[in-house]
Amino acid sequence: MRITDVTLWHVSIPLPAPFYPSWIPGLPQTENRFTLVRIRTASGVEGYSAGPAMDTERQGLGALLGPYLLDERADDLASIRQRLREMTYLGWHVGWLEAACWDVIGKARGVPVWQLLGGRPGRVQLYASTGDVKDGKSRIVELEKRRAEGFVAAKLRVHKPTLAEDLEQIETVAAAMGGDFAMGIDANQGWRVAVVADAPTWDLERALAFANRAAELGYKWLEEPLANDDYDGMAELRRRTAIPIAGAELNHVGLPEMKVMLEKRSLDIYQPDSVFAGGISETWRIIGAVAKAGARYTPHTWTNGIGFAINLQLFSASPWRDDTLLEYPISEPGWVPQFRDGLLQQTWSHDRGWLDLPTTPGLGFDIDARQLSRYGKVFYRGTKLRVALHAVLDKGIKTAKELGAVRDARLAARGAELAKREAAGEDLLTAFTQPVTATPRASWKLEELP
């Protein structure tokens, strides 16, 4: 399980048509871009993960990442999590890297990650998640196609300058789609981005007016109607409207931040994306806290095919998989499975709105080496020799030897400790896979507690 190689790629997969994400008004997205990481152990097991990217902004990550992870054990999640936490002190949010360790652990044990977390085989039901903003008539055409494909639910996007324009879409769509097709709405107010065009900013009164009208029209949930750190505002909105309020997709502090939101009762539905929330271990802790609070969980999955796989594993092991739907990103003609999942040997293809859980060990996918060679560019490869040479050039041979000796001593001491625990019959994974239970509820609205 000892990590001997860390490799990073910039990946850019051209889309078949420009995609205009609602969360960045005015941006024609023409590529699916992300940073890919591969860790390799001494026994040759490889694990992958990915973090979405705008361009090559993680160019310097490898110089920090290699010294932090090399010679660590991939299944020593306590140490891995501490190393990644230390990197946040230097400005990096790198929880997404931890999933590569879970990929290694699953492959080494010959089981999918959902099984490591206590899940069972089967399938999950999906909702079609749109990604752009449309007028009502155009949205109806899109949703009718999704319904014909077998989906029973979908999520719309609203991000127009005025309340009236946003209401036009949801009123027109509600009148046309009828009551047998469930619909949610994402306002994308959680993390406002106005780097290209201006973006609307909702206050509590606009959010309340929109939420109440959406509830009257029969919509099932409303995502991110206020900034993701406006915990009190969301709690107030949730108390004053009948539609369930969802969010927390990009809240990146992890469980401590989610605890604040749970205590304030900010949301009915929590949507932490493991890619942003601190990794699989941290998200599993969040899921447990959400269950204890009586709320509901279903993740955000709008990153890429690898990010979808990571969140699929968590959702599949969660207690809500049978009575809650999983987000399935699709926004034709630009954002479609073939290009969303562009590096995978097989896309995450649904069957009439259902998805069979992967039985492949680890995260459930295999990288297409030809596609990676075509669309990926290696910008860092760390091995013990490479890192040692870099240290010599950077610090001088004497200081490099001192640093290496101190680090080797720490790793040796940690290795001895782990060996002793394993000899006593301890499974190092147990602390990170405690079962989560929740009481099923028909309503997505969180009942008020006394």
Protein backbone atom coordinates (compact mmCIF):
# COMPACT_ATOMS: atom_id res chain seq x y z
CA MET A 1 0.00 0.00 0.00
CA ARG A 2 3.04 2.33 0.13
CA ILE A 3 2.73 5.16 -2.41
CA THR A 4 5.74 5.18 -4.73
CA ASP A 5 4.54 7.34 -7.62
CA VAL A 6 2.31 10.42 -7.91
CA THR A 7 1.49 11.71 -11.41
CA LEU A 8 -0.61 14.72 -12.42
CA TRP A 9 -2.14 15.64 -15.78
CA HIS A 10 -3.88 18.71 -17.16
CA VAL A 11 -6.82 17.29 -19.12
CA SER A 12 -8.83 19.20 -21.73
CA ILE A 13 -11.49 17.32 -23.71
CA PRO A 14 -13.13 19.34 -26.52
CA LEU A 15 -16.93 19.39 -26.32
CA PRO A 16 -19.07 18.68 -29.40
CA ALA A 17 -20.72 22.11 -29.07
CA PRO A 18 -20.31 25.13 -26.78
CA PHE A 19 -21.94 24.72 -23.39
CA TYR A 20 -23.16 27.79 -21.49
CA PRO A 21 -23.15 26.93 -17.76
CA SER A 22 -25.75 28.83 -15.80
CA TRP A 23 -23.29 29.41 -12.96
CA ILE A 24 -20.88 31.44 -15.13
CA PRO A 25 -23.08 33.74 -17.25
CA GLY A 26 -21.59 34.64 -20.62
CA LEU A 27 -19.02 31.83 -20.71
CA PRO A 28 -19.06 29.51 -23.74
CA GLN A 29 -17.41 26.41 -22.28
CA THR A 30 -15.77 24.51 -25.12
CA GLU A 31 -13.77 21.92 -23.17
CA ASN A 32 -14.21 19.58 -20.23
CA ARG A 33 -11.14 20.51 -18.18
CA PHE A 34 -9.83 18.92 -15.02
CA THR A 35 -6.70 17.85 -13.15
CA LEU A 36 -6.15 14.10 -13.08
CA VAL A 37 -4.10 12.39 -10.39
CA ARG A 38 -2.79 8.85 -10.36
CA ILE A 39 -1.13 7.30 -7.34
CA ARG A 40 0.73 4.02 -7.68
CA THR A 41 1.75 1.73 -4.83
CA ALA A 42 4.82 -0.46 -4.41
CA SER A 43 2.71 -3.47 -5.41
CA GLY A 44 1.61 -1.77 -8.65
CA VAL A 45 -1.99 -0.91 -7.71
CA GLU A 46 -3.14 2.38 -9.24
CA GLY A 47 -5.76 4.79 -8.01
CA TYR A 48 -7.25 7.81 -9.78
CA SER A 49 -9.15 10.95 -8.91
CA ALA A 50 -9.88 14.28 -10.57
CA GLY A 51 -10.57 17.89 -9.67
CA PRO A 52 -12.39 20.25 -12.07
CA ALA A 53 -10.26 23.04 -13.52
CA MET A 54 -10.69 26.24 -15.48
CA ASP A 55 -7.25 25.94 -17.07
CA THR A 56 -3.80 25.00 -15.72
CA GLU A 57 -4.17 26.73 -12.37
CA ARG A 58 -2.80 23.70 -10.47
CA GLN A 59 0.55 23.86 -12.27
CA GLY A 60 2.54 24.07 -9.03
CA LEU A 61 0.61 21.40 -7.13
CA GLY A 62 3.02 18.55 -7.81
CA ALA A 63 6.02 20.16 -6.13
CA LEU A 64 4.00 20.20 -2.92
CA LEU A 65 2.07 16.98 -3.41
CA GLY A 66 4.96 14.59 -4.04
CA PRO A 67 6.81 15.19 -0.75
CA TYR A 68 3.52 15.05 1.16
CA LEU A 69 2.29 11.70 -0.20
CA LEU A 70 5.27 9.63 -1.31
CA ASP A 71 5.98 6.65 0.99
CA GLU A 72 2.70 7.17 2.83
CA ARG A 73 0.42 4.14 2.94
CA ALA A 74 -2.66 4.63 0.78
CA ASP A 75 -4.80 2.84 3.37
CA ASP A 76 -3.52 4.98 6.23
CA LEU A 77 -6.37 7.41 5.76
CA ALA A 78 -5.76 9.17 9.05
CA SER A 79 -2.28 10.20 7.91
CA ILE A 80 -3.39 10.96 4.33
CA ARG A 81 -6.18 13.21 5.59
CA GLN A 82 -3.73 15.04 7.86
CA ARG A 83 -1.30 15.59 4.98
CA LEU A 84 -4.09 17.00 2.79
CA ARG A 85 -5.29 19.19 5.64
CA GLU A 86 -1.78 20.60 6.00
CA MET A 87 -1.82 21.52 2.33
CA THR A 88 -4.94 23.65 2.88
CA TYR A 89 -2.88 25.87 5.19
CA LEU A 90 -0.90 26.81 2.09
CA GLY A 91 -3.99 27.70 0.09
CA TRP A 92 -4.79 24.42 -1.68
CA HIS A 93 -8.21 22.72 -1.44
CA VAL A 94 -7.19 19.18 -2.31
CA GLY A 95 -9.70 16.88 -0.63
CA TRP A 96 -10.48 15.44 -4.06
CA LEU A 97 -7.08 13.72 -4.04
CA GLU A 98 -8.15 11.38 -1.23
CA ALA A 99 -10.52 9.48 -3.52
CA ALA A 100 -7.49 8.03 -5.33
CA CYS A 101 -6.56 6.29 -2.07
CA TRP A 102 -10.03 4.77 -1.80
CA ASP A 103 -9.65 3.62 -5.41
CA VAL A 104 -6.41 1.85 -4.42
CA ILE A 105 -7.95 0.32 -1.29
CA GLY A 106 -10.96 -1.01 -3.20
CA LYS A 107 -8.77 -2.50 -5.91
CA ALA A 108 -6.39 -4.05 -3.38
CA ARG A 109 -9.32 -5.67 -1.56
CA GLY A 110 -11.14 -6.57 -4.76
CA VAL A 111 -14.39 -4.71 -3.96
CA PRO A 112 -16.14 -1.46 -5.01
CA VAL A 113 -15.88 1.51 -2.68
CA TRP A 114 -19.63 1.43 -2.04
CA GLN A 115 -19.11 -2.05 -0.55
CA LEU A 116 -16.29 -0.80 1.67
CA LEU A 117 -18.79 1.75 3.01
CA GLY A 118 -21.37 -0.94 3.75
CA GLY A 119 -23.55 -0.59 0.65
CA ARG A 120 -25.29 -3.38 -1.20
CA PRO A 121 -25.55 -4.29 -4.91
CA GLY A 122 -28.33 -2.95 -7.08
CA ARG A 123 -29.10 0.24 -8.92
CA VAL A 124 -30.05 3.84 -8.24
CA GLN A 125 -32.62 6.10 -9.85
CA LEU A 126 -31.48 9.34 -11.44
CA TYR A 127 -32.84 12.77 -12.16
CA ALA A 128 -31.76 14.64 -15.29
CA SER A 129 -29.81 17.72 -14.30
CA THR A 130 -29.76 20.52 -16.86
CA GLY A 131 -26.85 22.95 -16.91
CA ASP A 132 -27.87 26.02 -18.88
CA VAL A 133 -30.60 28.64 -18.69
CA LYS A 134 -33.49 28.46 -21.18
CA ASP A 135 -36.82 30.12 -21.72
CA GLY A 136 -39.89 28.09 -20.82
CA LYS A 137 -40.72 26.80 -24.29
CA SER A 138 -37.16 25.64 -25.00
CA ARG A 139 -37.00 23.93 -21.63
CA ILE A 140 -40.20 22.00 -22.32
CA VAL A 141 -38.69 20.51 -25.48
CA GLU A 142 -35.66 19.39 -23.51
CA LEU A 143 -37.64 17.92 -20.61
CA GLU A 144 -40.03 16.05 -22.88
CA LYS A 145 -37.00 14.34 -24.41
CA ARG A 146 -35.71 13.39 -20.97
CA ARG A 147 -39.13 12.01 -20.03
CA ALA A 148 -39.21 9.94 -23.23
CA GLU A 149 -35.82 8.51 -22.24
CA GLY A 150 -37.28 7.23 -18.97
CA PHE A 151 -36.43 9.95 -16.46
CA VAL A 152 -39.15 10.69 -13.91
CA ALA A 153 -37.57 13.92 -12.65
CA ALA A 154 -35.33 16.77 -13.75
CA LYS A 155 -33.73 19.95 -12.45
CA LEU A 156 -34.08 23.34 -14.15
CA ARG A 157 -31.69 26.29 -13.94
CA VAL A 158 -32.75 29.90 -13.31
CA HIS A 159 -30.24 32.73 -13.47
CA LYS A 160 -31.95 35.63 -15.26
CA PRO A 161 -31.48 39.25 -14.18
CA THR A 162 -35.06 39.71 -12.95
CA LEU A 163 -37.49 37.71 -10.88
CA ALA A 164 -40.12 37.97 -13.62
CA GLU A 165 -37.83 36.33 -16.16
CA ASP A 166 -37.06 33.44 -13.83
CA LEU A 167 -40.74 32.95 -13.03
CA GLU A 168 -41.59 32.84 -16.74
CA GLN A 169 -39.58 29.66 -17.19
CA ILE A 170 -40.91 27.76 -14.20
CA GLU A 171 -44.54 28.79 -14.81
CA THR A 172 -44.45 27.80 -18.48
CA VAL A 173 -42.75 24.49 -17.73
CA ALA A 174 -45.06 23.60 -14.84
CA ALA A 175 -48.13 24.16 -17.02
CA ALA A 176 -46.79 21.86 -19.74
CA MET A 177 -45.14 18.99 -17.87
CA GLY A 178 -48.03 18.01 -15.62
CA GLY A 179 -47.93 16.41 -12.20
CA ASP A 180 -46.34 13.08 -13.13
CA PHE A 181 -42.86 14.53 -13.74
CA ALA A 182 -41.04 15.77 -10.65
CA MET A 183 -38.97 18.93 -11.01
CA GLY A 184 -36.48 20.83 -8.92
CA ILE A 185 -34.79 24.18 -9.52
CA ASP A 186 -31.21 25.37 -9.07
CA ALA A 187 -30.77 29.12 -8.63
CA ASN A 188 -26.95 28.93 -8.51
CA GLN A 189 -26.74 31.66 -5.88
CA GLY A 190 -24.49 29.66 -3.60
CA TRP A 191 -21.28 30.84 -5.23
CA ARG A 192 -21.86 33.80 -7.51
CA VAL A 193 -19.41 34.06 -10.44
CA ALA A 194 -19.39 37.22 -12.58
CA VAL A 195 -16.00 36.93 -14.24
CA VAL A 196 -17.45 37.25 -17.78
CA ALA A 197 -20.95 38.72 -17.68
CA ASP A 198 -22.80 40.18 -14.72
CA ALA A 199 -24.67 37.72 -12.53
CA PRO A 200 -27.85 38.28 -10.52
CA THR A 201 -27.64 38.38 -6.74
CA TRP A 202 -30.67 37.25 -4.78
CA ASP A 203 -31.54 38.65 -1.38
CA LEU A 204 -33.90 36.97 1.07
CA GLU A 205 -37.01 38.70 -0.27
CA ARG A 206 -36.37 37.71 -3.88
CA ALA A 207 -35.55 34.17 -2.80
CA LEU A 208 -38.73 34.01 -0.75
CA ALA A 209 -40.92 35.31 -3.58
CA PHE A 210 -39.41 32.79 -5.98
CA ALA A 211 -39.58 29.91 -3.49
CA ASN A 212 -43.23 30.51 -2.64
CA ARG A 213 -44.23 30.64 -6.30
CA ALA A 214 -42.23 27.48 -7.04
CA ALA A 215 -44.01 25.74 -4.17
CA GLU A 216 -47.42 26.82 -5.53
CA LEU A 217 -46.47 25.37 -8.91
CA GLY A 218 -45.55 21.99 -7.40
CA TYR A 219 -41.76 22.05 -7.70
CA LYS A 220 -40.11 19.57 -5.35
CA TRP A 221 -36.96 21.39 -4.23
CA LEU A 222 -35.02 24.64 -4.64
CA GLU A 223 -31.22 24.64 -4.62
CA GLU A 224 -28.88 27.39 -3.51
CA PRO A 225 -31.29 30.35 -3.42
CA LEU A 226 -28.79 32.31 -1.28
CA ALA A 227 -25.03 32.48 -0.79
CA ASN A 228 -23.58 29.24 0.56
CA ASP A 229 -22.30 30.92 3.72
CA ASP A 230 -25.58 32.72 4.48
CA TYR A 231 -26.54 30.10 7.04
CA ASP A 232 -29.05 32.31 8.85
CA GLY A 233 -30.64 33.55 5.64
CA MET A 234 -31.21 30.02 4.38
CA ALA A 235 -32.64 28.97 7.74
CA GLU A 236 -35.06 31.92 7.65
CA LEU A 237 -36.05 31.13 4.07
CA ARG A 238 -36.59 27.47 4.91
CA ARG A 239 -38.90 28.40 7.79
CA ARG A 240 -40.98 30.72 5.59
CA THR A 241 -41.55 28.55 2.53
CA ALA A 242 -43.11 25.18 1.82
CA ILE A 243 -40.60 24.04 -0.80
CA PRO A 244 -37.60 22.06 0.51
CA ILE A 245 -34.35 24.05 0.40
CA ALA A 246 -31.18 22.32 -0.78
CA GLY A 247 -27.54 23.31 -0.96
CA ALA A 248 -23.98 22.96 0.38
CA GLU A 249 -22.63 21.56 -2.88
CA LEU A 250 -19.38 23.56 -2.84
CA ASN A 251 -19.00 24.21 0.88
CA HIS A 252 -15.42 23.02 1.28
CA VAL A 253 -14.61 23.23 4.99
CA GLY A 254 -16.19 19.84 5.61
CA LEU A 255 -18.02 18.56 8.67
CA PRO A 256 -17.32 21.57 10.93
CA GLU A 257 -19.11 23.87 8.48
CA MET A 258 -21.93 21.39 7.91
CA LYS A 259 -22.45 21.12 11.65
CA VAL A 260 -23.10 24.85 11.80
CA MET A 261 -25.66 24.54 9.02
CA LEU A 262 -27.30 21.53 10.67
CA GLU A 263 -27.50 23.30 14.03
CA LYS A 264 -29.06 26.36 12.42
CA ARG A 265 -31.34 24.10 10.31
CA SER A 266 -30.30 25.93 7.18
CA LEU A 267 -31.33 23.23 4.70
CA ASP A 268 -33.73 20.35 4.17
CA ILE A 269 -31.44 18.58 1.70
CA TYR A 270 -27.63 18.52 1.91
CA GLN A 271 -25.69 18.08 -1.32
CA PRO A 272 -21.97 17.93 -0.45
CA ASP A 273 -19.85 17.00 -3.44
CA SER A 274 -16.99 14.82 -2.20
CA VAL A 275 -14.68 16.46 -4.74
CA PHE A 276 -15.08 19.78 -2.89
CA ALA A 277 -16.14 18.73 0.61
CA GLY A 278 -12.84 17.13 1.66
CA GLY A 279 -12.90 13.67 0.15
CA ILE A 280 -14.77 10.42 0.68
CA SER A 281 -13.91 10.04 4.38
CA GLU A 282 -15.04 13.56 5.24
CA THR A 283 -18.21 13.29 3.16
CA TRP A 284 -19.11 10.02 4.86
CA ARG A 285 -18.83 11.82 8.21
CA ILE A 286 -21.09 14.56 6.84
CA ILE A 287 -23.61 11.97 5.69
CA GLY A 288 -23.72 10.55 9.20
CA ALA A 289 -24.33 13.99 10.69
CA VAL A 290 -27.09 14.72 8.18
CA ALA A 291 -28.81 11.44 9.05
CA LYS A 292 -28.57 12.16 12.77
CA ALA A 293 -30.14 15.59 12.25
CA GLY A 294 -33.10 14.14 10.38
CA ALA A 295 -32.27 15.88 7.11
CA ARG A 296 -31.64 14.30 3.71
CA TYR A 297 -28.59 13.81 1.47
CA THR A 298 -28.08 13.52 -2.26
CA PRO A 299 -24.83 14.80 -3.77
CA HIS A 300 -23.92 17.41 -6.32
CA THR A 301 -22.23 15.60 -9.25
CA TRP A 302 -21.58 18.34 -11.84
CA THR A 303 -17.83 17.96 -12.35
CA ASN A 304 -16.82 15.18 -14.77
CA GLY A 305 -17.14 11.41 -15.13
CA ILE A 306 -14.62 10.73 -12.36
CA GLY A 307 -16.29 13.14 -9.95
CA PHE A 308 -19.62 11.49 -10.77
CA ALA A 309 -18.11 8.09 -9.94
CA ILE A 310 -16.83 9.29 -6.57
CA ASN A 311 -20.21 10.67 -5.51
CA LEU A 312 -22.05 7.64 -6.93
CA GLN A 313 -20.10 5.41 -4.52
CA LEU A 314 -21.12 7.51 -1.51
CA PHE A 315 -24.76 7.91 -2.50
CA SER A 316 -25.05 4.19 -3.21
CA ALA A 317 -23.92 3.35 0.33
CA SER A 318 -26.11 5.99 1.95
CA PRO A 319 -29.48 5.23 3.58
CA TRP A 320 -31.31 7.46 1.07
CA ARG A 321 -30.48 5.55 -2.13
CA ASP A 322 -33.94 3.91 -2.29
CA ASP A 323 -36.11 6.98 -1.70
CA THR A 324 -34.02 9.79 -3.19
CA LEU A 325 -32.77 10.49 -6.71
CA LEU A 326 -29.15 11.00 -7.80
CA GLU A 327 -28.13 13.92 -10.02
CA TYR A 328 -27.25 12.95 -13.61
CA PRO A 329 -25.66 15.88 -15.49
CA ILE A 330 -26.76 16.23 -19.10
CA SER A 331 -27.17 19.40 -21.14
CA GLU A 332 -27.32 18.82 -24.88
CA PRO A 333 -25.70 19.42 -27.27
CA GLY A 334 -22.50 20.35 -25.43
CA TRP A 335 -22.49 18.49 -22.13
CA VAL A 336 -23.28 14.86 -22.93
CA PRO A 337 -22.04 11.57 -21.41
CA GLN A 338 -19.47 10.77 -24.09
CA PHE A 339 -17.59 14.01 -23.40
CA ARG A 340 -18.52 14.42 -19.72
CA ASP A 341 -16.91 11.00 -19.13
CA GLY A 342 -14.29 11.43 -21.86
CA LEU A 343 -11.36 9.60 -20.23
CA LEU A 344 -13.34 6.56 -19.10
CA GLN A 345 -13.43 3.30 -21.01
CA GLN A 346 -17.19 3.20 -20.44
CA THR A 347 -19.50 6.15 -19.91
CA TRP A 348 -22.00 6.33 -17.07
CA SER A 349 -24.96 5.44 -19.29
CA HIS A 350 -28.41 5.15 -17.78
CA ASP A 351 -31.19 2.65 -18.53
CA ARG A 352 -34.57 4.41 -18.54
CA GLY A 353 -33.38 6.75 -15.81
CA TRP A 354 -31.70 4.04 -13.71
CA LEU A 355 -28.02 3.27 -13.25
CA ASP A 356 -26.62 -0.11 -12.26
CA LEU A 357 -24.00 0.15 -9.54
CA PRO A 358 -20.50 -0.68 -10.76
CA THR A 359 -19.06 -3.98 -9.57
CA THR A 360 -15.51 -3.10 -10.68
CA PRO A 361 -13.21 -2.83 -7.64
CA GLY A 362 -12.36 0.66 -6.47
CA LEU A 363 -14.24 3.65 -7.86
CA GLY A 364 -15.77 1.60 -10.65
CA PHE A 365 -14.08 2.91 -13.78
CA ASP A 366 -11.03 2.29 -15.95
CA ILE A 367 -9.04 5.02 -17.66
CA ASP A 368 -8.79 4.87 -21.45
CA ALA A 369 -5.05 5.19 -22.02
CA ARG A 370 -5.47 6.37 -25.61
CA GLN A 371 -7.85 9.13 -24.63
CA LEU A 372 -5.55 10.18 -21.80
CA SER A 373 -2.61 10.35 -24.20
CA ARG A 374 -4.70 12.43 -26.60
CA TYR A 375 -6.26 14.89 -24.17
CA GLY A 376 -3.96 14.85 -21.13
CA LYS A 377 -0.61 16.51 -20.56
CA VAL A 378 1.62 15.32 -17.72
CA PHE A 379 2.86 18.27 -15.68
CA TYR A 380 4.28 16.44 -12.68
CA ARG A 381 5.60 13.02 -11.82
CA GLY A 382 6.88 12.37 -8.35
CA THR A 383 8.98 9.37 -7.30
CA LYS A 384 11.34 9.10 -4.36
CA LEU A 385 14.37 9.66 -6.58
CA ARG A 386 12.85 12.64 -8.37
CA VAL A 387 11.80 14.28 -5.12
CA ALA A 388 15.21 13.66 -3.58
CA LEU A 389 16.98 15.23 -6.58
CA HIS A 390 14.66 18.24 -6.40
CA ALA A 391 15.43 18.64 -2.69
CA VAL A 392 19.16 18.56 -3.36
CA LEU A 393 18.90 21.20 -6.08
CA ASP A 394 16.60 23.34 -3.96
CA LYS A 395 18.15 22.99 -0.50
CA GLY A 396 21.63 21.65 -1.05
CA ILE A 397 22.79 18.12 -0.31
CA LYS A 398 23.37 18.57 3.42
CA THR A 399 19.96 20.07 4.19
CA ALA A 400 18.23 17.62 1.83
CA LYS A 401 19.77 14.70 3.74
CA GLU A 402 18.64 16.17 7.06
CA LEU A 403 15.08 16.63 5.80
CA GLY A 404 15.03 13.13 4.34
CA ALA A 405 16.27 11.57 7.56
CA VAL A 406 13.63 13.30 9.68
CA ARG A 407 10.86 12.33 7.28
CA ASP A 408 12.08 8.72 7.02
CA ALA A 409 12.11 8.46 10.80
CA ARG A 410 8.50 9.71 11.00
CA LEU A 411 7.35 7.26 8.33
CA ALA A 412 9.19 4.38 9.99
CA ALA A 413 7.61 5.14 13.35
CA ARG A 414 4.18 5.38 11.77
CA GLY A 415 4.75 2.13 9.89
CA ALA A 416 5.69 0.33 13.09
CA GLU A 417 2.58 1.64 14.80
CA LEU A 418 0.32 0.48 11.96
CA ALA A 419 1.99 -2.95 11.86
CA LYS A 420 1.35 -3.38 15.58
CA ARG A 421 -2.31 -2.44 15.20
CA GLU A 422 -2.77 -4.78 12.26
CA ALA A 423 -1.05 -7.62 14.13
CA ALA A 424 -3.67 -7.11 16.84
CA GLY A 425 -6.39 -7.66 14.22
CA GLU A 426 -7.39 -4.04 13.64
CA ASP A 427 -8.74 -3.02 10.23
CA LEU A 428 -7.47 0.49 9.54
CA LEU A 429 -10.57 1.25 7.46
CA THR A 430 -13.07 0.63 10.24
CA ALA A 431 -12.82 4.14 11.67
CA PHE A 432 -13.82 5.62 8.30
CA THR A 433 -16.66 3.27 7.37
CA GLN A 434 -19.00 3.39 10.35
CA PRO A 435 -22.54 2.53 9.18
CA VAL A 436 -25.05 5.33 8.68
CA THR A 437 -28.77 4.84 9.25
CA ALA A 438 -31.68 7.18 8.68
CA THR A 439 -35.44 6.96 9.12
CA PRO A 440 -37.16 7.01 5.70
CA ARG A 441 -39.54 9.91 5.18
CA ALA A 442 -41.98 10.54 2.35
CA SER A 443 -41.47 14.31 2.47
CA TRP A 444 -38.29 16.09 1.46
CA LYS A 445 -39.21 18.92 3.83
CA LEU A 446 -37.40 18.76 7.16
CA GLU A 447 -39.94 18.72 9.97
CA GLU A 448 -39.44 21.28 12.69
CA LEU A 449 -38.18 19.74 15.92
CA PRO A 450 -39.47 20.90 19.29
